[in-house]
C-alpha atoms as a PDB file:
ATOM      1  CA  MET A   1       0.061   0.147  -0.117  1.00  0.00           C
ATOM      2  CA  GLU A   2       1.583   3.396  -0.947  1.00  0.00           C
ATOM      3  CA  HIS A   3       2.337   5.582   1.903  1.00  0.00           C
ATOM      4  CA  VAL A   4       0.080   8.461   2.562  1.00  0.00           C
ATOM      5  CA  PRO A   5       2.072  11.127   4.134  1.00  0.00           C
ATOM      6  CA  ASN A   6      -0.065  12.270   7.204  1.00  0.00           C
ATOM      7  CA  THR A   7      -0.170  15.921   9.046  1.00  0.00           C
ATOM      8  CA  THR A   8       2.894  15.359  10.912  1.00  0.00           C
ATOM      9  CA  ASP A   9       4.993  14.408   7.822  1.00  0.00           C
ATOM     10  CA  HIS A  10       4.198  17.499   6.246  1.00  0.00           C
ATOM     11  CA  ARG A  11       5.001  19.237   9.360  1.00  0.00           C
ATOM     12  CA  LEU A  12       8.385  18.093   9.533  1.00  0.00           C
ATOM     13  CA  MET A  13       9.037  18.428   5.922  1.00  0.00           C
ATOM     14  CA  THR A  14       7.892  22.309   6.318  1.00  0.00           C
ATOM     15  CA  VAL A  15      10.207  22.885   9.380  1.00  0.00           C
ATOM     16  CA  LEU A  16      13.077  20.892   7.845  1.00  0.00           C
ATOM     17  CA  LEU A  17      13.046  22.807   4.420  1.00  0.00           C
ATOM     18  CA  ALA A  18      12.616  26.110   6.452  1.00  0.00           C
ATOM     19  CA  GLY A  19      15.472  25.230   8.335  1.00  0.00           C
ATOM     20  CA  PHE A  20      17.382  24.438   5.018  1.00  0.00           C
ATOM     21  CA  ARG A  21      16.376  27.840   3.275  1.00  0.00           C
ATOM     22  CA  ARG A  22      16.941  29.946   6.872  1.00  0.00           C
ATOM     23  CA  SER A  23      20.414  28.314   7.989  1.00  0.00           C
ATOM     24  CA  ASN A  24      23.529  30.368   8.401  1.00  0.00           C
ATOM     25  CA  ASP A  25      25.574  27.371   7.500  1.00  0.00           C
ATOM     26  CA  VAL A  26      26.169  27.165   3.127  1.00  0.00           C
ATOM     27  CA  MET A  27      23.803  24.358   2.600  1.00  0.00           C
ATOM     28  CA  PHE A  28      22.647  22.705  -0.896  1.00  0.00           C
ATOM     29  CA  TYR A  29      21.519  19.111  -1.813  1.00  0.00           C
ATOM     30  CA  SER A  30      22.201  17.144  -5.347  1.00  0.00           C
ATOM     31  CA  ASP A  31      20.838  14.167  -7.158  1.00  0.00           C
ATOM     32  CA  ALA A  32      22.691  11.013  -7.463  1.00  0.00           C
ATOM     33  CA  LYS A  33      24.488  12.439 -10.170  1.00  0.00           C
ATOM     34  CA  GLY A  34      25.466  15.401  -8.252  1.00  0.00           C
ATOM     35  CA  VAL A  35      23.378  17.787 -10.191  1.00  0.00           C
ATOM     36  CA  ILE A  36      22.361  20.213  -7.826  1.00  0.00           C
ATOM     37  CA  LEU A  37      18.751  20.613  -7.102  1.00  0.00           C
ATOM     38  CA  ASP A  38      18.658  23.157  -4.498  1.00  0.00           C
ATOM     39  CA  ILE A  39      20.646  25.855  -2.679  1.00  0.00           C
ATOM     40  CA  ASN A  40      19.601  28.114   0.808  1.00  0.00           C
ATOM     41  CA  ASP A  41      20.374  31.853   1.029  1.00  0.00           C
ATOM     42  CA  ALA A  42      23.646  31.404   2.644  1.00  0.00           C
ATOM     43  CA  PHE A  43      25.091  29.902  -0.385  1.00  0.00           C
ATOM     44  CA  THR A  44      23.893  32.976  -2.389  1.00  0.00           C
ATOM     45  CA  THR A  45      25.241  35.125   0.188  1.00  0.00           C
ATOM     46  CA  HIS A  46      28.807  33.280   0.653  1.00  0.00           C
ATOM     47  CA  TYR A  47      29.270  32.301  -2.941  1.00  0.00           C
ATOM     48  CA  GLY A  48      27.200  34.893  -4.871  1.00  0.00           C
ATOM     49  CA  TYR A  49      25.439  32.591  -7.175  1.00  0.00           C
ATOM     50  CA  THR A  50      21.963  32.797  -7.316  1.00  0.00           C
ATOM     51  CA  ARG A  51      18.983  30.035  -7.135  1.00  0.00           C
ATOM     52  CA  GLU A  52      18.819  29.860 -11.381  1.00  0.00           C
ATOM     53  CA  GLU A  53      22.617  30.132 -11.652  1.00  0.00           C
ATOM     54  CA  ALA A  54      23.266  27.226  -9.048  1.00  0.00           C
ATOM     55  CA  ILE A  55      20.623  24.904  -9.703  1.00  0.00           C
ATOM     56  CA  GLY A  56      21.024  22.196 -12.753  1.00  0.00           C
ATOM     57  CA  LYS A  57      24.959  22.678 -12.281  1.00  0.00           C
ATOM     58  CA  THR A  58      27.304  20.491 -10.484  1.00  0.00           C
ATOM     59  CA  PRO A  59      29.324  21.378  -7.150  1.00  0.00           C
ATOM     60  CA  ALA A  60      32.709  21.799  -9.809  1.00  0.00           C
ATOM     61  CA  LEU A  61      31.367  25.351 -10.190  1.00  0.00           C
ATOM     62  CA  LEU A  62      32.853  26.341  -6.514  1.00  0.00           C
ATOM     63  CA  ARG A  63      35.846  24.372  -7.530  1.00  0.00           C
ATOM     64  CA  SER A  64      39.125  26.306  -6.736  1.00  0.00           C
ATOM     65  CA  ARG A  65      43.221  25.489  -7.333  1.00  0.00           C
ATOM     66  CA  HIS A  66      43.360  24.132  -3.959  1.00  0.00           C
ATOM     67  CA  SER A  67      41.031  21.148  -4.796  1.00  0.00           C
ATOM     68  CA  THR A  68      43.376  18.596  -5.991  1.00  0.00           C
ATOM     69  CA  ALA A  69      42.316  15.206  -7.434  1.00  0.00           C
ATOM     70  CA  GLU A  70      43.539  13.036  -4.547  1.00  0.00           C
ATOM     71  CA  LEU A  71      41.518  15.283  -2.074  1.00  0.00           C
ATOM     72  CA  TYR A  72      38.701  14.713  -3.990  1.00  0.00           C
ATOM     73  CA  LYS A  73      39.612  10.886  -4.614  1.00  0.00           C
ATOM     74  CA  ARG A  74      39.461  10.360  -0.992  1.00  0.00           C
ATOM     75  CA  MET A  75      36.123  12.491  -0.441  1.00  0.00           C
ATOM     76  CA  TRP A  76      34.286  10.274  -2.615  1.00  0.00           C
ATOM     77  CA  GLN A  77      35.908   7.157  -1.507  1.00  0.00           C
ATOM     78  CA  SER A  78      34.341   8.460   1.723  1.00  0.00           C
ATOM     79  CA  ILE A  79      30.962   9.388   0.882  1.00  0.00           C
ATOM     80  CA  LEU A  80      30.659   6.142  -0.980  1.00  0.00           C
ATOM     81  CA  ASP A  81      31.724   4.015   1.620  1.00  0.00           C
ATOM     82  CA  PRO A  82      28.296   2.388   2.664  1.00  0.00           C
ATOM     83  CA  ASN A  83      29.730   1.820   6.404  1.00  0.00           C
ATOM     84  CA  LYS A  84      30.394   5.411   6.806  1.00  0.00           C
ATOM     85  CA  GLY A  85      28.288   7.408   4.129  1.00  0.00           C
ATOM     86  CA  TYR A  86      30.216  11.178   4.491  1.00  0.00           C
ATOM     87  CA  TRP A  87      32.975  13.227   4.171  1.00  0.00           C
ATOM     88  CA  ARG A  88      34.278  16.279   6.461  1.00  0.00           C
ATOM     89  CA  GLY A  89      36.989  18.145   6.202  1.00  0.00           C
ATOM     90  CA  GLU A  90      38.725  21.748   5.500  1.00  0.00           C
ATOM     91  CA  LEU A  91      38.184  22.814   1.984  1.00  0.00           C
ATOM     92  CA  ILE A  92      38.489  26.174  -0.285  1.00  0.00           C
ATOM     93  CA  ASN A  93      35.878  26.764  -2.841  1.00  0.00           C
ATOM     94  CA  LYS A  94      35.575  29.493  -5.137  1.00  0.00           C
ATOM     95  CA  ALA A  95      33.023  32.259  -5.380  1.00  0.00           C
ATOM     96  CA  LYS A  96      31.521  33.949  -8.082  1.00  0.00           C
ATOM     97  CA  ASP A  97      33.799  36.808  -7.999  1.00  0.00           C
ATOM     98  CA  GLY A  98      36.872  34.692  -7.676  1.00  0.00           C
ATOM     99  CA  ARG A  99      36.992  35.169  -3.927  1.00  0.00           C
ATOM    100  CA  GLU A 100      38.242  32.038  -2.132  1.00  0.00           C
ATOM    101  CA  VAL A 101      35.978  30.838   0.859  1.00  0.00           C
ATOM    102  CA  PRO A 102      37.645  28.457   3.405  1.00  0.00           C
ATOM    103  CA  LEU A 103      35.196  25.994   5.009  1.00  0.00           C
ATOM    104  CA  ILE A 104      34.505  23.182   7.044  1.00  0.00           C
ATOM    105  CA  LEU A 105      32.655  21.060   4.677  1.00  0.00           C
ATOM    106  CA  THR A 106      30.381  17.784   5.148  1.00  0.00           C
ATOM    107  CA  ILE A 107      28.974  15.722   2.248  1.00  0.00           C
ATOM    108  CA  THR A 108      26.585  13.540   3.334  1.00  0.00           C
ATOM    109  CA  ALA A 109      24.847  10.693   0.932  1.00  0.00           C
ATOM    110  CA  VAL A 110      21.103  10.326   1.419  1.00  0.00           C
ATOM    111  CA  ARG A 111      20.183   6.498   0.955  1.00  0.00           C
ATOM    112  CA  ASP A 112      16.706   5.217   0.408  1.00  0.00           C
ATOM    113  CA  ASP A 113      15.251   1.713   2.114  1.00  0.00           C
ATOM    114  CA  LYS A 114      17.512  -0.911  -0.382  1.00  0.00           C
ATOM    115  CA  ASN A 115      20.523   1.456   0.390  1.00  0.00           C
ATOM    116  CA  GLU A 116      20.334   3.217  -3.256  1.00  0.00           C
ATOM    117  CA  ILE A 117      21.870   6.603  -2.985  1.00  0.00           C
ATOM    118  CA  LEU A 118      18.931   9.277  -3.865  1.00  0.00           C
ATOM    119  CA  GLY A 119      21.461  12.362  -3.522  1.00  0.00           C
ATOM    120  CA  TYR A 120      23.850  14.100  -1.515  1.00  0.00           C
ATOM    121  CA  VAL A 121      23.106  17.060   0.884  1.00  0.00           C
ATOM    122  CA  SER A 122      26.206  19.381   1.226  1.00  0.00           C
ATOM    123  CA  ASN A 123      26.428  21.480   4.640  1.00  0.00           C
ATOM    124  CA  GLY A 124      29.236  24.140   4.925  1.00  0.00           C
ATOM    125  CA  ILE A 125      30.480  26.315   7.767  1.00  0.00           C
ATOM    126  CA  ASP A 126      32.298  29.662   6.348  1.00  0.00           C
ATOM    127  CA  LEU A 127      35.773  30.123   7.893  1.00  0.00           C
ATOM    128  CA  THR A 128      36.846  33.335   6.328  1.00  0.00           C
ATOM    129  CA  GLU A 129      36.306  35.948   9.667  1.00  0.00           C
ATOM    130  CA  GLN A 130      38.264  33.016  11.650  1.00  0.00           C
ATOM    131  CA  LYS A 131      41.189  32.531   9.091  1.00  0.00           C
ATOM    132  CA  VAL A 132      41.180  36.689   9.494  1.00  0.00           C
ATOM    133  CA  LEU A 133      41.303  36.619  12.602  1.00  0.00           C
ATOM    134  CA  GLU A 134      44.292  33.680  12.806  1.00  0.00           C
ATOM    135  CA  GLU A 135      46.011  35.712  10.281  1.00  0.00           C
ATOM    136  CA  ARG A 136      46.007  38.914  12.706  1.00  0.00           C
ATOM    137  CA  LEU A 137      47.121  37.125  15.335  1.00  0.00           C
ATOM    138  CA  ALA A 138      49.650  35.133  13.574  1.00  0.00           C
ATOM    139  CA  HIS A 139      50.676  38.714  12.584  1.00  0.00           C
ATOM    140  CA  SER A 140      50.887  40.121  16.188  1.00  0.00           C
ATOM    141  CA  GLU A 141      52.879  36.905  17.776  1.00  0.00           C
ATOM    142  CA  ALA A 142      55.010  37.273  14.825  1.00  0.00           C
ATOM    143  CA  LEU A 143      55.737  41.149  15.606  1.00  0.00           C
ATOM    144  CA  ALA A 144      56.405  40.493  19.195  1.00  0.00           C
ATOM    145  CA  THR A 145      58.883  38.041  18.152  1.00  0.00           C
ATOM    146  CA  ILE A 146      60.495  40.453  16.173  1.00  0.00           C
ATOM    147  CA  GLY A 147      60.498  43.223  18.937  1.00  0.00           C
ATOM    148  CA  GLU A 148      62.296  40.305  21.459  1.00  0.00           C
ATOM    149  CA  MET A 149      64.577  39.059  18.428  1.00  0.00           C
ATOM    150  CA  ALA A 150      65.743  42.964  18.108  1.00  0.00           C
ATOM    151  CA  ALA A 151      66.313  43.506  22.451  1.00  0.00           C
ATOM    152  CA  VAL A 152      68.288  40.166  22.138  1.00  0.00           C
ATOM    153  CA  VAL A 153      70.363  41.265  18.487  1.00  0.00           C
ATOM    154  CA  ALA A 154      70.981  44.606  20.067  1.00  0.00           C
ATOM    155  CA  HIS A 155      72.370  42.667  23.763  1.00  0.00           C
ATOM    156  CA  GLU A 156      74.171  40.197  21.933  1.00  0.00           C
ATOM    157  CA  ILE A 157      76.096  42.634  19.175  1.00  0.00           C
ATOM    158  CA  ARG A 158      76.657  45.669  21.310  1.00  0.00           C
ATOM    159  CA  ASN A 159      78.766  43.308  24.093  1.00  0.00           C
ATOM    160  CA  PRO A 160      81.082  41.606  21.267  1.00  0.00           C
ATOM    161  CA  LEU A 161      81.762  45.055  19.308  1.00  0.00           C
ATOM    162  CA  GLY A 162      82.147  46.969  22.319  1.00  0.00           C
ATOM    163  CA  SER A 163      85.086  44.699  23.308  1.00  0.00           C
ATOM    164  CA  ILE A 164      86.241  44.456  19.586  1.00  0.00           C
ATOM    165  CA  VAL A 165      86.131  48.434  19.577  1.00  0.00           C
ATOM    166  CA  MET A 166      88.357  48.695  23.124  1.00  0.00           C
ATOM    167  CA  ALA A 167      90.767  45.429  21.977  1.00  0.00           C
ATOM    168  CA  ALA A 168      91.413  47.652  18.343  1.00  0.00           C
ATOM    169  CA  GLN A 169      92.090  51.351  20.414  1.00  0.00           C
ATOM    170  CA  GLN A 170      94.515  49.017  22.450  1.00  0.00           C
ATOM    171  CA  LEU A 171      96.488  47.774  19.703  1.00  0.00           C
ATOM    172  CA  ALA A 172      96.751  51.231  18.413  1.00  0.00           C
ATOM    173  CA  ASP A 173      98.487  52.054  21.287  1.00  0.00           C
ATOM    174  CA  GLU A 174     102.448  52.078  20.570  1.00  0.00           C
ATOM    175  CA  GLY A 175     103.509  51.452  23.983  1.00  0.00           C
ATOM    176  CA  LEU A 176     101.782  47.970  24.621  1.00  0.00           C
ATOM    177  CA  SER A 177     103.621  45.278  25.064  1.00  0.00           C
ATOM    178  CA  ARG A 178     104.048  42.071  22.869  1.00  0.00           C
ATOM    179  CA  GLU A 179     102.443  39.948  26.335  1.00  0.00           C
ATOM    180  CA  ASP A 180      99.385  42.465  26.059  1.00  0.00           C
ATOM    181  CA  LYS A 181      99.093  42.434  22.319  1.00  0.00           C
ATOM    182  CA  ASP A 182      98.988  38.947  22.015  1.00  0.00           C
ATOM    183  CA  THR A 183      95.900  38.967  24.852  1.00  0.00           C
ATOM    184  CA  VAL A 184      94.529  41.682  23.118  1.00  0.00           C
ATOM    185  CA  THR A 185      94.728  39.629  19.825  1.00  0.00           C
ATOM    186  CA  ARG A 186      92.868  36.555  21.491  1.00  0.00           C
ATOM    187  CA  VAL A 187      90.195  39.193  22.701  1.00  0.00           C
ATOM    188  CA  LEU A 188      89.936  40.295  19.162  1.00  0.00           C
ATOM    189  CA  ARG A 189      89.224  36.647  17.332  1.00  0.00           C
ATOM    190  CA  ALA A 190      86.772  35.313  20.539  1.00  0.00           C
ATOM    191  CA  GLU A 191      84.838  38.200  20.239  1.00  0.00           C
ATOM    192  CA  SER A 192      84.831  38.342  16.599  1.00  0.00           C
ATOM    193  CA  LYS A 193      83.638  34.320  16.148  1.00  0.00           C
ATOM    194  CA  ARG A 194      81.285  35.335  19.066  1.00  0.00           C
ATOM    195  CA  LEU A 195      79.868  37.995  17.057  1.00  0.00           C
ATOM    196  CA  ASN A 196      79.678  35.801  13.718  1.00  0.00           C
ATOM    197  CA  GLU A 197      78.166  32.965  15.688  1.00  0.00           C
ATOM    198  CA  ALA A 198      75.325  35.479  17.206  1.00  0.00           C
ATOM    199  CA  LEU A 199      74.697  36.713  13.533  1.00  0.00           C
ATOM    200  CA  SER A 200      74.650  33.253  11.827  1.00  0.00           C
ATOM    201  CA  ASN A 201      72.345  32.137  14.683  1.00  0.00           C
ATOM    202  CA  PHE A 202      69.671  35.169  13.856  1.00  0.00           C
ATOM    203  CA  LEU A 203      70.211  34.539  10.064  1.00  0.00           C
ATOM    204  CA  SER A 204      69.534  30.754  10.348  1.00  0.00           C
ATOM    205  CA  TYR A 205      66.488  31.600  12.231  1.00  0.00           C
ATOM    206  CA  ALA A 206      65.030  34.396  10.340  1.00  0.00           C
ATOM    207  CA  ARG A 207      65.596  33.057   6.716  1.00  0.00           C
ATOM    208  CA  PRO A 208      65.588  29.010   6.729  1.00  0.00           C
ATOM    209  CA  ARG A 209      67.077  27.243   4.020  1.00  0.00           C
ATOM    210  CA  PRO A 210      65.443  24.586   1.638  1.00  0.00           C
ATOM    211  CA  LEU A 211      66.456  21.212   2.310  1.00  0.00           C
ATOM    212  CA  ASN A 212      69.275  19.607  -0.035  1.00  0.00           C
ATOM    213  CA  ARG A 213      68.647  15.948   0.676  1.00  0.00           C
ATOM    214  CA  GLU A 214      71.355  13.783  -0.135  1.00  0.00           C
ATOM    215  CA  GLN A 215      72.730  10.184   0.271  1.00  0.00           C
ATOM    216  CA  ASN A 216      74.899  10.789   3.808  1.00  0.00           C
ATOM    217  CA  ASP A 217      76.508   8.628   6.305  1.00  0.00           C
ATOM    218  CA  LEU A 218      75.068  10.327   9.856  1.00  0.00           C
ATOM    219  CA  ASN A 219      77.381   8.161  12.031  1.00  0.00           C
ATOM    220  CA  ALA A 220      80.403   9.767  10.153  1.00  0.00           C
ATOM    221  CA  LEU A 221      78.633  12.845  10.783  1.00  0.00           C
ATOM    222  CA  LEU A 222      78.069  11.959  14.509  1.00  0.00           C
ATOM    223  CA  LYS A 223      81.640  10.884  15.045  1.00  0.00           C
ATOM    224  CA  GLU A 224      83.252  14.345  13.019  1.00  0.00           C
ATOM    225  CA  ILE A 225      81.305  16.777  14.892  1.00  0.00           C
ATOM    226  CA  SER A 226      81.932  15.394  18.467  1.00  0.00           C
ATOM    227  CA  GLU A 227      85.442  14.485  17.749  1.00  0.00           C
ATOM    228  CA  LEU A 228      85.703  18.321  16.924  1.00  0.00           C
ATOM    229  CA  ALA A 229      84.325  19.840  19.815  1.00  0.00           C
ATOM    230  CA  PHE A 230      85.983  17.717  22.175  1.00  0.00           C
ATOM    231  CA  VAL A 231      89.264  18.573  20.756  1.00  0.00           C
ATOM    232  CA  ASN A 232      88.996  22.153  21.651  1.00  0.00           C
ATOM    233  CA  LYS A 233      89.978  21.875  25.572  1.00  0.00           C
ATOM    234  CA  ASP A 234      89.070  25.294  26.237  1.00  0.00           C
ATOM    235  CA  LEU A 235      85.271  24.074  25.056  1.00  0.00           C
ATOM    236  CA  ALA A 236      85.070  20.602  26.745  1.00  0.00           C
ATOM    237  CA  GLY A 237      87.665  21.215  29.829  1.00  0.00           C
ATOM    238  CA  GLY A 238      87.868  17.515  31.287  1.00  0.00           C
ATOM    239  CA  ALA A 239      84.303  16.166  30.105  1.00  0.00           C
ATOM    240  CA  ARG A 240      84.664  12.899  28.259  1.00  0.00           C
ATOM    241  CA  LEU A 241      83.222  12.096  25.212  1.00  0.00           C
ATOM    242  CA  ARG A 242      81.699   8.530  24.752  1.00  0.00           C
ATOM    243  CA  LEU A 243      80.857   7.515  20.919  1.00  0.00           C
ATOM    244  CA  ALA A 244      78.219   4.505  20.094  1.00  0.00           C
ATOM    245  CA  CYS A 245      76.999   4.780  16.703  1.00  0.00           C
ATOM    246  CA  SER A 246      75.033   1.570  14.955  1.00  0.00           C
ATOM    247  CA  PRO A 247      76.691  -0.289  12.223  1.00  0.00           C
ATOM    248  CA  GLU A 248      73.264  -1.321  11.291  1.00  0.00           C
ATOM    249  CA  LEU A 249      72.532   2.510  10.217  1.00  0.00           C
ATOM    250  CA  LYS A 250      73.298   2.844   6.919  1.00  0.00           C
ATOM    251  CA  PRO A 251      73.493   5.873   4.750  1.00  0.00           C
ATOM    252  CA  PHE A 252      70.248   7.464   3.730  1.00  0.00           C
ATOM    253  CA  PRO A 253      68.965  10.568   2.449  1.00  0.00           C
ATOM    254  CA  PHE A 254      69.057  13.860   4.490  1.00  0.00           C
ATOM    255  CA  ASP A 255      70.841  17.696   4.395  1.00  0.00           C
ATOM    256  CA  ALA A 256      73.721  17.323   5.909  1.00  0.00           C
ATOM    257  CA  ASP A 257      74.999  20.773   6.301  1.00  0.00           C
ATOM    258  CA  GLN A 258      71.404  21.382   8.519  1.00  0.00           C
ATOM    259  CA  ILE A 259      71.843  18.232  10.569  1.00  0.00           C
ATOM    260  CA  ARG A 260      75.560  19.114  11.469  1.00  0.00           C
ATOM    261  CA  GLN A 261      73.715  22.488  12.713  1.00  0.00           C
ATOM    262  CA  VAL A 262      71.121  20.208  15.091  1.00  0.00           C
ATOM    263  CA  VAL A 263      74.216  18.003  15.993  1.00  0.00           C
ATOM    264  CA  TRP A 264      76.679  21.197  16.982  1.00  0.00           C
ATOM    265  CA  ASN A 265      73.643  23.314  18.850  1.00  0.00           C
ATOM    266  CA  ILE A 266      72.479  20.377  21.079  1.00  0.00           C
ATOM    267  CA  LEU A 267      76.245  19.036  21.750  1.00  0.00           C
ATOM    268  CA  ILE A 268      77.487  22.455  22.885  1.00  0.00           C
ATOM    269  CA  ASN A 269      74.458  22.585  25.083  1.00  0.00           C
ATOM    270  CA  ALA A 270      75.242  19.304  26.746  1.00  0.00           C
ATOM    271  CA  ILE A 271      79.322  20.316  27.019  1.00  0.00           C
ATOM    272  CA  HIS A 272      78.228  23.729  28.316  1.00  0.00           C
ATOM    273  CA  VAL A 273      75.941  22.322  31.425  1.00  0.00           C
ATOM    274  CA  LEU A 274      78.968  19.673  32.406  1.00  0.00           C
ATOM    275  CA  ASP A 275      81.317  22.622  33.518  1.00  0.00           C
ATOM    276  CA  GLY A 276      84.153  20.668  32.630  1.00  0.00           C
ATOM    277  CA  LYS A 277      82.917  17.258  34.060  1.00  0.00           C
ATOM    278  CA  GLY A 278      81.120  14.477  33.465  1.00  0.00           C
ATOM    279  CA  THR A 279      80.618  12.739  29.985  1.00  0.00           C
ATOM    280  CA  VAL A 280      78.511  13.126  26.667  1.00  0.00           C
ATOM    281  CA  THR A 281      77.190  10.092  25.354  1.00  0.00           C
ATOM    282  CA  VAL A 282      76.768  10.418  21.412  1.00  0.00           C
ATOM    283  CA  SER A 283      74.824   7.473  19.919  1.00  0.00           C
ATOM    284  CA  SER A 284      73.149   6.382  16.853  1.00  0.00           C
ATOM    285  CA  HIS A 285      69.978   3.326  16.075  1.00  0.00           C
ATOM    286  CA  LYS A 286      68.193   1.964  13.172  1.00  0.00           C
ATOM    287  CA  GLY A 287      64.474   2.010  13.884  1.00  0.00           C
ATOM    288  CA  ASP A 288      61.707   1.050  11.725  1.00  0.00           C
ATOM    289  CA  GLY A 289      61.834   3.476   8.770  1.00  0.00           C
ATOM    290  CA  ALA A 290      63.807   5.829  10.796  1.00  0.00           C
ATOM    291  CA  ALA A 291      67.209   6.839  12.194  1.00  0.00           C
ATOM    292  CA  LYS A 292      67.933   8.087  15.741  1.00  0.00           C
ATOM    293  CA  PHE A 293      70.548   9.684  17.585  1.00  0.00           C
ATOM    294  CA  GLU A 294      70.929  10.804  21.157  1.00  0.00           C
ATOM    295  CA  ILE A 295      72.920  13.183  22.884  1.00  0.00           C
ATOM    296  CA  ALA A 296      72.846  12.447  26.597  1.00  0.00           C
ATOM    297  CA  ASP A 297      75.113  14.477  29.469  1.00  0.00           C
ATOM    298  CA  THR A 298      75.532  13.261  33.073  1.00  0.00           C
ATOM    299  CA  GLY A 299      74.727  16.868  34.111  1.00  0.00           C
ATOM    300  CA  PRO A 300      72.376  18.461  36.790  1.00  0.00           C
ATOM    301  CA  GLY A 301      69.238  18.049  34.485  1.00  0.00           C
ATOM    302  CA  ILE A 302      66.633  20.710  33.109  1.00  0.00           C
ATOM    303  CA  PRO A 303      64.312  22.026  35.708  1.00  0.00           C
ATOM    304  CA  GLU A 304      60.906  21.659  35.468  1.00  0.00           C
ATOM    305  CA  SER A 305      59.900  25.466  35.144  1.00  0.00           C
ATOM    306  CA  PHE A 306      62.203  25.828  31.945  1.00  0.00           C
ATOM    307  CA  ARG A 307      60.934  22.442  30.301  1.00  0.00           C
ATOM    308  CA  PRO A 308      58.156  24.198  28.541  1.00  0.00           C
ATOM    309  CA  ASP A 309      60.225  26.843  26.958  1.00  0.00           C
ATOM    310  CA  LEU A 310      63.251  24.783  25.780  1.00  0.00           C
ATOM    311  CA  PHE A 311      62.204  24.968  22.035  1.00  0.00           C
ATOM    312  CA  LYS A 312      61.315  28.512  22.021  1.00  0.00           C
ATOM    313  CA  PRO A 313      63.248  30.985  20.318  1.00  0.00           C
ATOM    314  CA  PHE A 314      65.104  33.726  22.853  1.00  0.00           C
ATOM    315  CA  ARG A 315      64.703  31.577  25.943  1.00  0.00           C
ATOM    316  CA  THR A 316      68.183  30.558  27.783  1.00  0.00           C
ATOM    317  CA  THR A 317      69.379  29.784  30.921  1.00  0.00           C
ATOM    318  CA  LYS A 318      73.155  31.375  29.852  1.00  0.00           C
ATOM    319  CA  GLN A 319      74.579  34.505  30.813  1.00  0.00           C
ATOM    320  CA  GLN A 320      75.406  34.892  27.030  1.00  0.00           C
ATOM    321  CA  GLY A 321      73.799  33.507  23.860  1.00  0.00           C
ATOM    322  CA  THR A 322      70.707  34.137  21.930  1.00  0.00           C
ATOM    323  CA  GLY A 323      68.660  31.323  22.811  1.00  0.00           C
ATOM    324  CA  LEU A 324      68.231  30.079  19.409  1.00  0.00           C
ATOM    325  CA  GLY A 325      70.309  27.007  19.158  1.00  0.00           C
ATOM    326  CA  LEU A 326      67.196  24.351  20.405  1.00  0.00           C
ATOM    327  CA  ALA A 327      65.082  26.285  18.218  1.00  0.00           C
ATOM    328  CA  ILE A 328      66.741  26.274  14.894  1.00  0.00           C
ATOM    329  CA  ALA A 329      67.672  22.436  15.738  1.00  0.00           C
ATOM    330  CA  ASP A 330      63.827  21.748  16.270  1.00  0.00           C
ATOM    331  CA  ARG A 331      62.972  23.664  13.451  1.00  0.00           C
ATOM    332  CA  ILE A 332      65.153  21.455  10.984  1.00  0.00           C
ATOM    333  CA  VAL A 333      64.568  18.405  12.314  1.00  0.00           C
ATOM    334  CA  LYS A 334      60.600  19.357  11.838  1.00  0.00           C
ATOM    335  CA  ALA A 335      61.364  20.228   8.075  1.00  0.00           C
ATOM    336  CA  HIS A 336      62.865  16.708   7.742  1.00  0.00           C
ATOM    337  CA  GLY A 337      59.797  15.160   8.864  1.00  0.00           C
ATOM    338  CA  GLY A 338      61.358  14.530  12.295  1.00  0.00           C
ATOM    339  CA  ARG A 339      61.008  15.120  15.678  1.00  0.00           C
ATOM    340  CA  VAL A 340      62.918  15.887  18.788  1.00  0.00           C
ATOM    341  CA  GLU A 341      62.469  14.339  22.231  1.00  0.00           C
ATOM    342  CA  VAL A 342      63.765  15.062  25.491  1.00  0.00           C
ATOM    343  CA  GLN A 343      64.327  13.082  28.723  1.00  0.00           C
ATOM    344  CA  THR A 344      65.751  14.572  31.545  1.00  0.00           C
ATOM    345  CA  ARG A 345      65.670  14.068  35.403  1.00  0.00           C
ATOM    346  CA  LEU A 346      67.396  16.532  37.941  1.00  0.00           C
ATOM    347  CA  GLY A 347      70.540  15.563  39.189  1.00  0.00           C
ATOM    348  CA  PHE A 348      71.189  12.419  36.450  1.00  0.00           C
ATOM    349  CA  GLY A 349      71.420  14.643  33.195  1.00  0.00           C
ATOM    350  CA  THR A 350      69.582  15.020  30.561  1.00  0.00           C
ATOM    351  CA  THR A 351      69.334  13.528  26.579  1.00  0.00           C
ATOM    352  CA  PHE A 352      68.193  14.698  23.519  1.00  0.00           C
ATOM    353  CA  ILE A 353      66.513  11.951  21.258  1.00  0.00           C
ATOM    354  CA  VAL A 354      66.448  13.007  17.377  1.00  0.00           C
ATOM    355  CA  THR A 355      64.471  10.998  15.008  1.00  0.00           C
ATOM    356  CA  LEU A 356      64.541  11.573  11.354  1.00  0.00           C
ATOM    357  CA  PRO A 357      62.571   9.518   8.502  1.00  0.00           C
ATOM    358  CA  ARG A 358      65.017   7.161   6.898  1.00  0.00           C
ATOM    359  CA  ILE A 359      64.655   6.453   3.537  1.00  0.00           C
ATOM    360  CA  GLU A 360      66.774   3.681   1.749  1.00  0.00           C
ATOM    361  CA  ASP A 361      67.588   3.516  -1.716  1.00  0.00           C
END
């Protein structure tokens, strides 16, 4: 017997249609072939198309340069899956006037009692205002970072520059003894090096280089940098080095220059906290699809109050330094698709664990 809609069904349909028309969300529904059958008022407000312009067209009308074939493939796999029947995600569509409209979009397949698709309902939440607020916030944070960076730059450049100027004036003194000249020359070299390192750190952080992945030997790189640091007794003092690199870790593609900077920055931190006593252990391991290296010290550990800011720029416990070493290391590792983890215990030391994706030829 054919079902005859009753008064309750009619009221429900009226309410649903009114909700569809007046919803603040951007909505339309289409037939099983994807042809648009109706749109709501918000659709016209956000996209600029009238009902006459949109009805009879397909959603390709809204497709932007950001909508890739891979995205649509995943979308339709999800919508047509009988066990799921919908897709939800963030998407950028294009309005009639060419504006890009970011949305959180949900597309649902409507099926009958026989599980046959009757059509599709699309519901979108416009994120334009949210994106504008996010950009303003990012801009404000960037300005705050620039201000903080300027203060650190001024401090880190002014001090060695002042020492260099004084040393240069002393060297011009004809009555300066040979021994004093040697002392002043050492100061010039040390402060020039410090100034160069500070400027290099600022440039690395402010203008990161694109990756140059080539086949490289991580074990050889770890050994080279570790031995270079510990051969400098002014730096290492009485601290000891222990190397434990896994022979199972074969060469794989990574940017050797940038990972060298990661190793150096973490290693220098480890040496500094030892204050001439204790051991730094540098080790490597081969993981499942990943390469890991660890730099562990037997120092005092990191206070809990400082841990949340460990990888933030311009945060340092040292009297000298830009506070950019770990921030730069973290950024480089993330650019490789890896991560930096820290294990620390007061009185027992700290271990930095760096994981890099390992893709072998």
